[in-house]
C-alpha atoms as a PDB file:
ATOM      1  CA  MET A   1      44.155 119.695  38.675  1.00  0.00           C
ATOM      2  CA  THR A   2      41.178 119.094  40.951  1.00  0.00           C
ATOM      3  CA  GLU A   3      40.162 122.754  40.887  1.00  0.00           C
ATOM      4  CA  LEU A   4      40.550 122.956  37.119  1.00  0.00           C
ATOM      5  CA  GLN A   5      38.365 119.883  36.675  1.00  0.00           C
ATOM      6  CA  ARG A   6      35.780 121.271  39.115  1.00  0.00           C
ATOM      7  CA  LEU A   7      35.604 124.525  37.182  1.00  0.00           C
ATOM      8  CA  LEU A   8      35.272 122.807  33.815  1.00  0.00           C
ATOM      9  CA  GLU A   9      32.548 120.452  35.008  1.00  0.00           C
ATOM     10  CA  ALA A  10      30.479 123.028  36.900  1.00  0.00           C
ATOM     11  CA  ASP A  11      27.721 125.124  35.414  1.00  0.00           C
ATOM     12  CA  GLU A  12      29.122 128.636  34.892  1.00  0.00           C
ATOM     13  CA  ASN A  13      26.199 130.056  36.883  1.00  0.00           C
ATOM     14  CA  ASP A  14      27.294 127.974  39.880  1.00  0.00           C
ATOM     15  CA  VAL A  15      31.080 128.325  39.586  1.00  0.00           C
ATOM     16  CA  ALA A  16      32.218 131.128  37.314  1.00  0.00           C
ATOM     17  CA  THR A  17      35.898 131.319  38.252  1.00  0.00           C
ATOM     18  CA  SER A  18      38.486 129.918  40.649  1.00  0.00           C
ATOM     19  CA  LEU A  19      41.362 131.399  42.593  1.00  0.00           C
ATOM     20  CA  LEU A  20      44.397 129.365  43.579  1.00  0.00           C
ATOM     21  CA  VAL A  21      46.014 131.264  46.447  1.00  0.00           C
ATOM     22  CA  PHE A  22      49.490 130.232  47.587  1.00  0.00           C
ATOM     23  CA  THR A  23      49.909 131.468  51.158  1.00  0.00           C
ATOM     24  CA  LYS A  24      53.248 129.682  51.583  1.00  0.00           C
ATOM     25  CA  GLY A  25      56.070 129.326  49.109  1.00  0.00           C
ATOM     26  CA  LEU A  26      56.382 131.088  45.765  1.00  0.00           C
ATOM     27  CA  ASP A  27      57.699 134.240  47.435  1.00  0.00           C
ATOM     28  CA  GLU A  28      60.265 134.554  44.647  1.00  0.00           C
ATOM     29  CA  PHE A  29      58.615 136.073  41.581  1.00  0.00           C
ATOM     30  CA  ASN A  30      60.675 133.952  39.154  1.00  0.00           C
ATOM     31  CA  ASN A  31      59.533 130.752  40.870  1.00  0.00           C
ATOM     32  CA  TYR A  32      55.960 131.956  40.557  1.00  0.00           C
ATOM     33  CA  LEU A  33      56.466 132.701  36.850  1.00  0.00           C
ATOM     34  CA  ALA A  34      57.781 129.158  36.376  1.00  0.00           C
ATOM     35  CA  LEU A  35      54.616 127.782  37.992  1.00  0.00           C
ATOM     36  CA  LEU A  36      52.475 130.034  35.824  1.00  0.00           C
ATOM     37  CA  ASP A  37      54.307 128.769  32.735  1.00  0.00           C
ATOM     38  CA  TRP A  38      53.649 125.189  33.878  1.00  0.00           C
ATOM     39  CA  PHE A  39      49.922 125.979  34.244  1.00  0.00           C
ATOM     40  CA  GLN A  40      49.837 127.496  30.754  1.00  0.00           C
ATOM     41  CA  LYS A  41      51.539 124.435  29.239  1.00  0.00           C
ATOM     42  CA  LEU A  42      49.091 122.213  31.094  1.00  0.00           C
ATOM     43  CA  LEU A  43      46.196 124.089  29.481  1.00  0.00           C
ATOM     44  CA  GLU A  44      47.829 123.945  26.056  1.00  0.00           C
ATOM     45  CA  ASN A  45      48.637 120.223  26.280  1.00  0.00           C
ATOM     46  CA  GLY A  46      45.089 119.500  27.414  1.00  0.00           C
ATOM     47  CA  GLU A  47      43.702 121.679  24.609  1.00  0.00           C
ATOM     48  CA  LEU A  48      41.919 123.778  27.226  1.00  0.00           C
ATOM     49  CA  THR A  49      43.057 127.275  26.208  1.00  0.00           C
ATOM     50  CA  GLU A  50      39.774 127.884  24.399  1.00  0.00           C
ATOM     51  CA  HIS A  51      37.970 127.201  27.688  1.00  0.00           C
ATOM     52  CA  ILE A  52      40.250 128.576  30.427  1.00  0.00           C
ATOM     53  CA  GLN A  53      42.360 131.717  30.679  1.00  0.00           C
ATOM     54  CA  LEU A  54      44.911 132.418  33.389  1.00  0.00           C
ATOM     55  CA  ALA A  55      45.300 135.694  35.213  1.00  0.00           C
ATOM     56  CA  SER A  56      48.240 136.118  37.543  1.00  0.00           C
ATOM     57  CA  PHE A  57      48.886 138.126  40.681  1.00  0.00           C
ATOM     58  CA  HIS A  58      51.928 138.330  42.946  1.00  0.00           C
ATOM     59  CA  PRO A  59      53.223 140.709  45.640  1.00  0.00           C
ATOM     60  CA  GLN A  60      56.300 141.465  43.481  1.00  0.00           C
ATOM     61  CA  TYR A  61      54.523 141.478  40.108  1.00  0.00           C
ATOM     62  CA  GLN A  62      56.410 143.361  37.434  1.00  0.00           C
ATOM     63  CA  PHE A  63      55.642 143.479  33.727  1.00  0.00           C
ATOM     64  CA  GLU A  64      58.618 142.631  31.555  1.00  0.00           C
ATOM     65  CA  GLY A  65      60.165 145.619  29.843  1.00  0.00           C
ATOM     66  CA  VAL A  66      58.423 148.160  32.098  1.00  0.00           C
ATOM     67  CA  ALA A  67      60.268 150.399  34.554  1.00  0.00           C
ATOM     68  CA  ALA A  68      60.335 148.985  38.092  1.00  0.00           C
ATOM     69  CA  ASN A  69      58.546 152.030  39.543  1.00  0.00           C
ATOM     70  CA  ASP A  70      55.733 152.064  36.939  1.00  0.00           C
ATOM     71  CA  LEU A  71      52.238 152.086  38.456  1.00  0.00           C
ATOM     72  CA  SER A  72      50.983 149.497  35.953  1.00  0.00           C
ATOM     73  CA  HIS A  73      52.552 146.715  38.035  1.00  0.00           C
ATOM     74  CA  PHE A  74      49.973 147.293  40.761  1.00  0.00           C
ATOM     75  CA  THR A  75      47.149 145.964  38.559  1.00  0.00           C
ATOM     76  CA  ASN A  76      48.616 142.496  39.116  1.00  0.00           C
ATOM     77  CA  ARG A  77      49.944 142.797  42.655  1.00  0.00           C
ATOM     78  CA  SER A  78      48.300 141.004  45.554  1.00  0.00           C
ATOM     79  CA  PRO A  79      49.141 140.057  49.144  1.00  0.00           C
ATOM     80  CA  TYR A  80      49.823 136.439  48.082  1.00  0.00           C
ATOM     81  CA  PRO A  81      50.737 134.713  44.822  1.00  0.00           C
ATOM     82  CA  ILE A  82      47.475 133.903  43.015  1.00  0.00           C
ATOM     83  CA  VAL A  83      46.544 132.090  39.823  1.00  0.00           C
ATOM     84  CA  HIS A  84      43.064 133.047  38.669  1.00  0.00           C
ATOM     85  CA  LEU A  85      41.285 130.521  36.438  1.00  0.00           C
ATOM     86  CA  LEU A  86      38.746 132.306  34.255  1.00  0.00           C
ATOM     87  CA  ARG A  87      36.272 130.878  31.791  1.00  0.00           C
ATOM     88  CA  GLN A  88      37.340 132.105  28.361  1.00  0.00           C
ATOM     89  CA  ASN A  89      33.759 132.597  27.149  1.00  0.00           C
ATOM     90  CA  GLN A  90      32.985 134.856  30.115  1.00  0.00           C
ATOM     91  CA  VAL A  91      36.121 136.924  29.484  1.00  0.00           C
ATOM     92  CA  THR A  92      35.091 137.301  25.843  1.00  0.00           C
ATOM     93  CA  LYS A  93      31.574 138.381  26.853  1.00  0.00           C
ATOM     94  CA  ALA A  94      32.899 140.917  29.362  1.00  0.00           C
ATOM     95  CA  LEU A  95      35.386 142.400  26.896  1.00  0.00           C
ATOM     96  CA  SER A  96      32.695 142.780  24.242  1.00  0.00           C
ATOM     97  CA  HIS A  97      31.180 145.537  26.407  1.00  0.00           C
ATOM     98  CA  ILE A  98      34.418 147.540  26.626  1.00  0.00           C
ATOM     99  CA  SER A  99      35.318 149.766  23.698  1.00  0.00           C
ATOM    100  CA  ASP A 100      39.111 149.591  24.165  1.00  0.00           C
ATOM    101  CA  PRO A 101      40.028 146.754  26.579  1.00  0.00           C
ATOM    102  CA  LYS A 102      43.776 147.095  25.913  1.00  0.00           C
ATOM    103  CA  LYS A 103      43.894 150.770  26.878  1.00  0.00           C
ATOM    104  CA  ASN A 104      46.229 151.449  29.788  1.00  0.00           C
ATOM    105  CA  LEU A 105      44.253 152.010  32.987  1.00  0.00           C
ATOM    106  CA  PHE A 106      46.589 154.789  34.049  1.00  0.00           C
ATOM    107  CA  GLY A 107      46.217 156.958  30.963  1.00  0.00           C
END
């Protein structure tokens, strides 16, 4: 909550984004997904989804409905579980410069 408040109150030129890195605990991917769901509900209940977007990373990251050995999982894998708090307006600006932002990175 403190980091979310800090991000929202800071000038975007001073603090553009925040990473919450969990070096202990959350080894189980399902536990991490539960935490991520809690974060999303927190944003929704606080009517903050127009301001903050979550990006998620985990050592065992796997997209639902995608084969376990698919390379796409590696776009969201990291050494530790991470929740990335991004400013929605900056994400929108960045995506406006990409012709097809939903295109699969691997072809």
